[in-house]
All heavy atoms as atom14 arrays in JSON, in Angstrom:
{
  "sequence": "GLRSACFTVQYQNGSFFFTTRGYGHGVGMSQWGARALAEQG",
  "atom14_mask": [
    [1, 1, 1, 1, 0, 0, 0, 0, 0, 0, 0, 0, 0, 0],
    [1, 1, 1, 1, 1, 1, 1, 1, 0, 0, 0, 0, 0, 0],
    [1, 1, 1, 1, 1, 1, 1, 1, 1, 1, 1, 0, 0, 0],
    [1, 1, 1, 1, 1, 1, 0, 0, 0, 0, 0, 0, 0, 0],
    [1, 1, 1, 1, 1, 0, 0, 0, 0, 0, 0, 0, 0, 0],
    [1, 1, 1, 1, 1, 1, 0, 0, 0, 0, 0, 0, 0, 0],
    [1, 1, 1, 1, 1, 1, 1, 1, 1, 1, 1, 0, 0, 0],
    [1, 1, 1, 1, 1, 1, 1, 0, 0, 0, 0, 0, 0, 0],
    [1, 1, 1, 1, 1, 1, 1, 0, 0, 0, 0, 0, 0, 0],
    [1, 1, 1, 1, 1, 1, 1, 1, 1, 0, 0, 0, 0, 0],
    [1, 1, 1, 1, 1, 1, 1, 1, 1, 1, 1, 1, 0, 0],
    [1, 1, 1, 1, 1, 1, 1, 1, 1, 0, 0, 0, 0, 0],
    [1, 1, 1, 1, 1, 1, 1, 1, 0, 0, 0, 0, 0, 0],
    [1, 1, 1, 1, 0, 0, 0, 0, 0, 0, 0, 0, 0, 0],
    [1, 1, 1, 1, 1, 1, 0, 0, 0, 0, 0, 0, 0, 0],
    [1, 1, 1, 1, 1, 1, 1, 1, 1, 1, 1, 0, 0, 0],
    [1, 1, 1, 1, 1, 1, 1, 1, 1, 1, 1, 0, 0, 0],
    [1, 1, 1, 1, 1, 1, 1, 1, 1, 1, 1, 0, 0, 0],
    [1, 1, 1, 1, 1, 1, 1, 0, 0, 0, 0, 0, 0, 0],
    [1, 1, 1, 1, 1, 1, 1, 0, 0, 0, 0, 0, 0, 0],
    [1, 1, 1, 1, 1, 1, 1, 1, 1, 1, 1, 0, 0, 0],
    [1, 1, 1, 1, 0, 0, 0, 0, 0, 0, 0, 0, 0, 0],
    [1, 1, 1, 1, 1, 1, 1, 1, 1, 1, 1, 1, 0, 0],
    [1, 1, 1, 1, 0, 0, 0, 0, 0, 0, 0, 0, 0, 0],
    [1, 1, 1, 1, 1, 1, 1, 1, 1, 1, 0, 0, 0, 0],
    [1, 1, 1, 1, 0, 0, 0, 0, 0, 0, 0, 0, 0, 0],
    [1, 1, 1, 1, 1, 1, 1, 0, 0, 0, 0, 0, 0, 0],
    [1, 1, 1, 1, 0, 0, 0, 0, 0, 0, 0, 0, 0, 0],
    [1, 1, 1, 1, 1, 1, 1, 1, 0, 0, 0, 0, 0, 0],
    [1, 1, 1, 1, 1, 1, 0, 0, 0, 0, 0, 0, 0, 0],
    [1, 1, 1, 1, 1, 1, 1, 1, 1, 0, 0, 0, 0, 0],
    [1, 1, 1, 1, 1, 1, 1, 1, 1, 1, 1, 1, 1, 1],
    [1, 1, 1, 1, 0, 0, 0, 0, 0, 0, 0, 0, 0, 0],
    [1, 1, 1, 1, 1, 0, 0, 0, 0, 0, 0, 0, 0, 0],
    [1, 1, 1, 1, 1, 1, 1, 1, 1, 1, 1, 0, 0, 0],
    [1, 1, 1, 1, 1, 0, 0, 0, 0, 0, 0, 0, 0, 0],
    [1, 1, 1, 1, 1, 1, 1, 1, 0, 0, 0, 0, 0, 0],
    [1, 1, 1, 1, 1, 0, 0, 0, 0, 0, 0, 0, 0, 0],
    [1, 1, 1, 1, 1, 1, 1, 1, 1, 0, 0, 0, 0, 0],
    [1, 1, 1, 1, 1, 1, 1, 1, 1, 0, 0, 0, 0, 0],
    [1, 1, 1, 1, 0, 0, 0, 0, 0, 0, 0, 0, 0, 0]
  ],
  "atom14_positions": [
    [[25.08, 38.88, -144.01], [23.94, 38.3, -143.3], [23.1, 39.34, -142.59], [22.54, 39.07, -141.52], [0.0, 0.0, 0.0], [0.0, 0.0, 0.0], [0.0, 0.0, 0.0], [0.0, 0.0, 0.0], [0.0, 0.0, 0.0], [0.0, 0.0, 0.0], [0.0, 0.0, 0.0], [0.0, 0.0, 0.0], [0.0, 0.0, 0.0], [0.0, 0.0, 0.0]],
    [[22.97, 40.54, -143.19], [22.17, 41.6, -142.59], [20.69, 41.35, -142.84], [20.3, 40.78, -143.86], [22.57, 42.95, -143.17], [24.04, 43.35, -143.03], [24.3, 44.69, -143.7], [24.46, 43.37, -141.57], [0.0, 0.0, 0.0], [0.0, 0.0, 0.0], [0.0, 0.0, 0.0], [0.0, 0.0, 0.0], [0.0, 0.0, 0.0], [0.0, 0.0, 0.0]],
    [[19.85, 41.83, -141.95], [18.4, 41.66, -142.08], [17.81, 42.48, -143.22], [16.76, 42.14, -143.74], [17.71, 42.04, -140.77], [17.94, 41.06, -139.65], [17.45, 41.59, -138.31], [16.1, 42.11, -138.32], [15.02, 41.46, -137.88], [15.13, 40.25, -137.4], [13.84, 42.04, -137.93], [0.0, 0.0, 0.0], [0.0, 0.0, 0.0], [0.0, 0.0, 0.0]],
    [[18.46, 43.57, -143.59], [17.92, 44.49, -144.57], [19.05, 45.25, -145.26], [20.14, 45.38, -144.71], [16.98, 45.49, -143.86], [16.61, 46.56, -144.69], [0.0, 0.0, 0.0], [0.0, 0.0, 0.0], [0.0, 0.0, 0.0], [0.0, 0.0, 0.0], [0.0, 0.0, 0.0], [0.0, 0.0, 0.0], [0.0, 0.0, 0.0], [0.0, 0.0, 0.0]],
    [[18.76, 45.78, -146.45], [19.71, 46.66, -147.13], [19.53, 48.1, -146.69], [20.17, 49.0, -147.21], [19.57, 46.54, -148.65], [0.0, 0.0, 0.0], [0.0, 0.0, 0.0], [0.0, 0.0, 0.0], [0.0, 0.0, 0.0], [0.0, 0.0, 0.0], [0.0, 0.0, 0.0], [0.0, 0.0, 0.0], [0.0, 0.0, 0.0], [0.0, 0.0, 0.0]],
    [[18.67, 48.33, -145.72], [18.56, 49.65, -145.08], [19.39, 49.55, -143.81], [18.95, 48.99, -142.81], [17.11, 49.99, -144.77], [16.93, 51.59, -143.96], [0.0, 0.0, 0.0], [0.0, 0.0, 0.0], [0.0, 0.0, 0.0], [0.0, 0.0, 0.0], [0.0, 0.0, 0.0], [0.0, 0.0, 0.0], [0.0, 0.0, 0.0], [0.0, 0.0, 0.0]],
    [[20.63, 50.05, -143.88], [21.53, 49.88, -142.73], [22.52, 51.02, -142.63], [22.77, 51.75, -143.59], [22.28, 48.55, -142.82], [23.18, 48.41, -144.02], [24.49, 48.88, -144.0], [22.71, 47.83, -145.19], [25.31, 48.75, -145.1], [23.53, 47.71, -146.3], [24.83, 48.17, -146.26], [0.0, 0.0, 0.0], [0.0, 0.0, 0.0], [0.0, 0.0, 0.0]],
    [[23.09, 51.13, -141.44], [24.21, 52.03, -141.2], [25.35, 51.19, -140.66], [25.13, 50.1, -140.11], [23.86, 53.14, -140.19], [23.46, 52.53, -138.95], [22.76, 54.04, -140.71], [0.0, 0.0, 0.0], [0.0, 0.0, 0.0], [0.0, 0.0, 0.0], [0.0, 0.0, 0.0], [0.0, 0.0, 0.0], [0.0, 0.0, 0.0], [0.0, 0.0, 0.0]],
    [[26.58, 51.7, -140.82], [27.78, 51.0, -140.35], [28.55, 51.94, -139.42], [28.79, 53.09, -139.77], [28.71, 50.62, -141.51], [29.92, 49.84, -141.0], [27.98, 49.84, -142.57], [0.0, 0.0, 0.0], [0.0, 0.0, 0.0], [0.0, 0.0, 0.0], [0.0, 0.0, 0.0], [0.0, 0.0, 0.0], [0.0, 0.0, 0.0], [0.0, 0.0, 0.0]],
    [[28.93, 51.42, -138.26], [29.81, 52.17, -137.36], [30.92, 51.23, -136.92], [30.69, 50.03, -136.72], [29.05, 52.65, -136.13], [28.05, 53.74, -136.42], [27.4, 54.25, -135.16], [26.99, 53.47, -134.31], [27.3, 55.56, -135.04], [0.0, 0.0, 0.0], [0.0, 0.0, 0.0], [0.0, 0.0, 0.0], [0.0, 0.0, 0.0], [0.0, 0.0, 0.0]],
    [[32.11, 51.79, -136.77], [33.26, 51.02, -136.29], [33.73, 51.63, -134.98], [33.87, 52.84, -134.87], [34.39, 51.05, -137.31], [35.63, 50.33, -136.82], [35.66, 48.94, -136.78], [36.74, 51.04, -136.36], [36.78, 48.27, -136.31], [37.86, 50.38, -135.9], [37.88, 48.99, -135.87], [38.97, 48.34, -135.39], [0.0, 0.0, 0.0], [0.0, 0.0, 0.0]],
    [[33.94, 50.78, -133.99], [34.42, 51.26, -132.69], [35.1, 50.12, -131.95], [34.56, 49.02, -131.84], [33.23, 51.77, -131.87], [33.61, 52.43, -130.57], [32.38, 53.0, -129.86], [31.25, 52.65, -130.14], [32.64, 53.88, -128.92], [0.0, 0.0, 0.0], [0.0, 0.0, 0.0], [0.0, 0.0, 0.0], [0.0, 0.0, 0.0], [0.0, 0.0, 0.0]],
    [[36.29, 50.38, -131.46], [37.03, 49.45, -130.6], [37.11, 48.02, -131.15], [36.87, 47.05, -130.44], [36.41, 49.41, -129.2], [36.46, 50.77, -128.52], [37.4, 51.53, -128.71], [35.44, 51.07, -127.74], [0.0, 0.0, 0.0], [0.0, 0.0, 0.0], [0.0, 0.0, 0.0], [0.0, 0.0, 0.0], [0.0, 0.0, 0.0], [0.0, 0.0, 0.0]],
    [[37.43, 47.9, -132.43], [37.65, 46.58, -133.02], [36.4, 45.87, -133.5], [36.48, 44.74, -133.95], [0.0, 0.0, 0.0], [0.0, 0.0, 0.0], [0.0, 0.0, 0.0], [0.0, 0.0, 0.0], [0.0, 0.0, 0.0], [0.0, 0.0, 0.0], [0.0, 0.0, 0.0], [0.0, 0.0, 0.0], [0.0, 0.0, 0.0], [0.0, 0.0, 0.0]],
    [[35.23, 46.54, -133.42], [33.99, 45.9, -133.87], [33.22, 46.82, -134.81], [33.27, 48.05, -134.7], [33.09, 45.58, -132.67], [33.65, 44.57, -131.89], [0.0, 0.0, 0.0], [0.0, 0.0, 0.0], [0.0, 0.0, 0.0], [0.0, 0.0, 0.0], [0.0, 0.0, 0.0], [0.0, 0.0, 0.0], [0.0, 0.0, 0.0], [0.0, 0.0, 0.0]],
    [[32.48, 46.18, -135.72], [31.56, 46.89, -136.59], [30.15, 46.69, -136.07], [29.77, 45.59, -135.65], [31.65, 46.35, -138.02], [32.89, 46.79, -138.74], [34.0, 45.97, -138.79], [32.94, 48.03, -139.37], [35.15, 46.38, -139.45], [34.08, 48.44, -140.03], [35.19, 47.61, -140.07], [0.0, 0.0, 0.0], [0.0, 0.0, 0.0], [0.0, 0.0, 0.0]],
    [[29.38, 47.75, -136.11], [27.98, 47.73, -135.7], [27.13, 48.06, -136.92], [27.18, 49.18, -137.42], [27.73, 48.73, -134.57], [28.59, 48.47, -133.36], [29.84, 49.06, -133.22], [28.15, 47.61, -132.37], [30.64, 48.8, -132.12], [28.94, 47.34, -131.25], [30.18, 47.94, -131.14], [0.0, 0.0, 0.0], [0.0, 0.0, 0.0], [0.0, 0.0, 0.0]],
    [[26.39, 47.06, -137.39], [25.51, 47.22, -138.55], [24.08, 47.33, -138.02], [23.53, 46.34, -137.52], [25.63, 46.04, -139.49], [27.01, 45.86, -140.06], [27.95, 45.06, -139.42], [27.37, 46.52, -141.22], [29.23, 44.9, -139.94], [28.65, 46.37, -141.75], [29.59, 45.57, -141.11], [0.0, 0.0, 0.0], [0.0, 0.0, 0.0], [0.0, 0.0, 0.0]],
    [[23.5, 48.5, -138.1], [22.13, 48.71, -137.62], [21.2, 48.7, -138.82], [21.32, 49.53, -139.73], [22.01, 50.03, -136.84], [22.9, 49.98, -135.73], [20.59, 50.24, -136.34], [0.0, 0.0, 0.0], [0.0, 0.0, 0.0], [0.0, 0.0, 0.0], [0.0, 0.0, 0.0], [0.0, 0.0, 0.0], [0.0, 0.0, 0.0], [0.0, 0.0, 0.0]],
    [[20.28, 47.73, -138.83], [19.34, 47.57, -139.93], [17.96, 48.05, -139.51], [17.59, 48.0, -138.32], [19.24, 46.1, -140.37], [18.84, 45.3, -139.26], [20.57, 45.61, -140.93], [0.0, 0.0, 0.0], [0.0, 0.0, 0.0], [0.0, 0.0, 0.0], [0.0, 0.0, 0.0], [0.0, 0.0, 0.0], [0.0, 0.0, 0.0], [0.0, 0.0, 0.0]],
    [[17.2, 48.47, -140.5], [15.79, 48.83, -140.31], [14.99, 47.99, -141.29], [15.26, 48.0, -142.48], [15.58, 50.32, -140.54], [16.17, 51.14, -139.42], [16.17, 52.63, -139.71], [17.02, 53.3, -138.74], [18.34, 53.38, -138.81], [18.97, 52.83, -139.82], [19.04, 53.99, -137.88], [0.0, 0.0, 0.0], [0.0, 0.0, 0.0], [0.0, 0.0, 0.0]],
    [[14.01, 47.25, -140.77], [13.24, 46.35, -141.59], [13.87, 44.97, -141.65], [14.9, 44.72, -141.02], [0.0, 0.0, 0.0], [0.0, 0.0, 0.0], [0.0, 0.0, 0.0], [0.0, 0.0, 0.0], [0.0, 0.0, 0.0], [0.0, 0.0, 0.0], [0.0, 0.0, 0.0], [0.0, 0.0, 0.0], [0.0, 0.0, 0.0], [0.0, 0.0, 0.0]],
    [[13.22, 44.09, -142.4], [13.7, 42.71, -142.51], [13.25, 42.15, -143.85], [12.06, 42.01, -144.11], [13.13, 41.88, -141.37], [13.7, 40.49, -141.22], [14.8, 40.05, -141.91], [13.09, 39.59, -140.36], [15.31, 38.77, -141.76], [13.58, 38.3, -140.2], [14.69, 37.9, -140.9], [15.18, 36.63, -140.74], [0.0, 0.0, 0.0], [0.0, 0.0, 0.0]],
    [[14.2, 41.89, -144.72], [13.9, 41.33, -146.04], [14.37, 42.26, -147.14], [14.97, 43.3, -146.89], [0.0, 0.0, 0.0], [0.0, 0.0, 0.0], [0.0, 0.0, 0.0], [0.0, 0.0, 0.0], [0.0, 0.0, 0.0], [0.0, 0.0, 0.0], [0.0, 0.0, 0.0], [0.0, 0.0, 0.0], [0.0, 0.0, 0.0], [0.0, 0.0, 0.0]],
    [[14.07, 41.88, -148.38], [14.55, 42.62, -149.56], [13.83, 43.94, -149.77], [14.34, 44.84, -150.42], [14.48, 41.77, -150.82], [13.17, 41.09, -151.04], [12.02, 41.77, -151.35], [12.85, 39.78, -150.97], [11.03, 40.9, -151.48], [11.5, 39.68, -151.26], [0.0, 0.0, 0.0], [0.0, 0.0, 0.0], [0.0, 0.0, 0.0], [0.0, 0.0, 0.0]],
    [[12.63, 44.08, -149.24], [11.9, 45.35, -149.31], [11.04, 45.55, -150.55], [10.41, 46.59, -150.68], [0.0, 0.0, 0.0], [0.0, 0.0, 0.0], [0.0, 0.0, 0.0], [0.0, 0.0, 0.0], [0.0, 0.0, 0.0], [0.0, 0.0, 0.0], [0.0, 0.0, 0.0], [0.0, 0.0, 0.0], [0.0, 0.0, 0.0], [0.0, 0.0, 0.0]],
    [[10.99, 44.59, -151.47], [10.25, 44.75, -152.72], [8.88, 44.08, -152.62], [8.79, 42.9, -152.26], [11.03, 44.15, -153.91], [10.24, 44.32, -155.21], [12.39, 44.81, -154.03], [0.0, 0.0, 0.0], [0.0, 0.0, 0.0], [0.0, 0.0, 0.0], [0.0, 0.0, 0.0], [0.0, 0.0, 0.0], [0.0, 0.0, 0.0], [0.0, 0.0, 0.0]],
    [[7.84, 44.81, -152.97], [6.49, 44.24, -153.0], [5.72, 44.5, -151.72], [5.63, 45.63, -151.26], [0.0, 0.0, 0.0], [0.0, 0.0, 0.0], [0.0, 0.0, 0.0], [0.0, 0.0, 0.0], [0.0, 0.0, 0.0], [0.0, 0.0, 0.0], [0.0, 0.0, 0.0], [0.0, 0.0, 0.0], [0.0, 0.0, 0.0], [0.0, 0.0, 0.0]],
    [[5.17, 43.44, -151.15], [4.28, 43.58, -150.0], [4.99, 43.25, -148.68], [5.58, 42.19, -148.53], [3.07, 42.65, -150.15], [2.05, 42.82, -149.02], [0.54, 41.88, -149.29], [1.15, 40.21, -149.2], [0.0, 0.0, 0.0], [0.0, 0.0, 0.0], [0.0, 0.0, 0.0], [0.0, 0.0, 0.0], [0.0, 0.0, 0.0], [0.0, 0.0, 0.0]],
    [[4.89, 44.18, -147.76], [5.37, 43.95, -146.4], [4.33, 43.12, -145.66], [3.16, 43.51, -145.59], [5.57, 45.29, -145.7], [5.63, 45.12, -144.3], [0.0, 0.0, 0.0], [0.0, 0.0, 0.0], [0.0, 0.0, 0.0], [0.0, 0.0, 0.0], [0.0, 0.0, 0.0], [0.0, 0.0, 0.0], [0.0, 0.0, 0.0], [0.0, 0.0, 0.0]],
    [[4.75, 42.0, -145.1], [3.8, 41.17, -144.35], [3.28, 41.91, -143.12], [2.1, 41.84, -142.8], [4.46, 39.85, -143.95], [4.72, 38.95, -145.14], [5.52, 37.72, -144.76], [6.59, 37.81, -144.17], [4.99, 36.56, -145.12], [0.0, 0.0, 0.0], [0.0, 0.0, 0.0], [0.0, 0.0, 0.0], [0.0, 0.0, 0.0], [0.0, 0.0, 0.0]],
    [[4.18, 42.61, -142.44], [3.76, 43.36, -141.26], [2.79, 44.47, -141.67], [1.76, 44.68, -141.04], [4.97, 43.96, -140.54], [4.58, 44.74, -139.33], [4.22, 46.06, -139.3], [4.44, 44.28, -137.99], [3.89, 46.44, -138.03], [4.03, 45.35, -137.2], [4.66, 43.04, -137.38], [3.8, 45.25, -135.84], [4.44, 42.94, -136.02], [4.02, 44.03, -135.28]],
    [[3.12, 45.17, -142.73], [2.25, 46.25, -143.21], [0.9, 45.75, -143.66], [-0.13, 46.37, -143.37], [0.0, 0.0, 0.0], [0.0, 0.0, 0.0], [0.0, 0.0, 0.0], [0.0, 0.0, 0.0], [0.0, 0.0, 0.0], [0.0, 0.0, 0.0], [0.0, 0.0, 0.0], [0.0, 0.0, 0.0], [0.0, 0.0, 0.0], [0.0, 0.0, 0.0]],
    [[0.87, 44.61, -144.35], [-0.41, 44.03, -144.79], [-1.27, 43.66, -143.59], [-2.48, 43.91, -143.57], [-0.15, 42.81, -145.67], [0.0, 0.0, 0.0], [0.0, 0.0, 0.0], [0.0, 0.0, 0.0], [0.0, 0.0, 0.0], [0.0, 0.0, 0.0], [0.0, 0.0, 0.0], [0.0, 0.0, 0.0], [0.0, 0.0, 0.0], [0.0, 0.0, 0.0]],
    [[-0.65, 43.1, -142.58], [-1.37, 42.75, -141.36], [-1.96, 44.0, -140.7], [-3.12, 44.03, -140.3], [-0.44, 42.04, -140.39], [-1.06, 41.73, -139.06], [-0.07, 41.07, -138.14], [-0.49, 41.28, -136.77], [0.31, 41.29, -135.74], [1.6, 41.06, -135.89], [-0.15, 41.48, -134.54], [0.0, 0.0, 0.0], [0.0, 0.0, 0.0], [0.0, 0.0, 0.0]],
    [[-1.15, 45.06, -140.62], [-1.61, 46.31, -140.0], [-2.78, 46.91, -140.79], [-3.75, 47.38, -140.19], [-0.46, 47.29, -139.9], [0.0, 0.0, 0.0], [0.0, 0.0, 0.0], [0.0, 0.0, 0.0], [0.0, 0.0, 0.0], [0.0, 0.0, 0.0], [0.0, 0.0, 0.0], [0.0, 0.0, 0.0], [0.0, 0.0, 0.0], [0.0, 0.0, 0.0]],
    [[-2.69, 46.88, -142.12], [-3.78, 47.41, -142.93], [-5.05, 46.57, -142.75], [-6.16, 47.12, -142.7], [-3.38, 47.47, -144.4], [-2.27, 48.47, -144.75], [-1.91, 48.37, -146.23], [-2.66, 49.89, -144.37], [0.0, 0.0, 0.0], [0.0, 0.0, 0.0], [0.0, 0.0, 0.0], [0.0, 0.0, 0.0], [0.0, 0.0, 0.0], [0.0, 0.0, 0.0]],
    [[-4.91, 45.26, -142.64], [-6.07, 44.4, -142.4], [-6.7, 44.71, -141.04], [-7.94, 44.77, -140.92], [-5.66, 42.93, -142.47], [0.0, 0.0, 0.0], [0.0, 0.0, 0.0], [0.0, 0.0, 0.0], [0.0, 0.0, 0.0], [0.0, 0.0, 0.0], [0.0, 0.0, 0.0], [0.0, 0.0, 0.0], [0.0, 0.0, 0.0], [0.0, 0.0, 0.0]],
    [[-5.85, 44.95, -140.04], [-6.37, 45.29, -138.71], [-7.09, 46.65, -138.72], [-7.95, 46.89, -137.89], [-5.24, 45.29, -137.68], [-4.75, 43.89, -137.37], [-3.49, 43.85, -136.51], [-2.84, 44.92, -136.32], [-3.15, 42.75, -136.04], [0.0, 0.0, 0.0], [0.0, 0.0, 0.0], [0.0, 0.0, 0.0], [0.0, 0.0, 0.0], [0.0, 0.0, 0.0]],
    [[-6.73, 47.51, -139.68], [-7.4, 48.8, -139.83], [-8.69, 48.68, -140.65], [-9.38, 49.67, -140.87], [-6.47, 49.81, -140.49], [-5.27, 50.19, -139.66], [-4.26, 51.03, -140.43], [-4.51, 51.46, -141.56], [-3.1, 51.25, -139.83], [0.0, 0.0, 0.0], [0.0, 0.0, 0.0], [0.0, 0.0, 0.0], [0.0, 0.0, 0.0], [0.0, 0.0, 0.0]],
    [[-9.01, 47.47, -141.12], [-10.26, 47.24, -141.83], [-10.16, 47.17, -143.34], [-11.17, 47.03, -144.02], [0.0, 0.0, 0.0], [0.0, 0.0, 0.0], [0.0, 0.0, 0.0], [0.0, 0.0, 0.0], [0.0, 0.0, 0.0], [0.0, 0.0, 0.0], [0.0, 0.0, 0.0], [0.0, 0.0, 0.0], [0.0, 0.0, 0.0], [0.0, 0.0, 0.0]]
  ]
}
């Protein structure tokens, strides 16, 4: 149930820490990126 396949895994004191970057499968158009490009004109 990770937000992205761009992640790191760390284990410490009985817990795993999955740090993700981004949200979604990553293929095609980023909604956030499209919005930013539109705001840039």
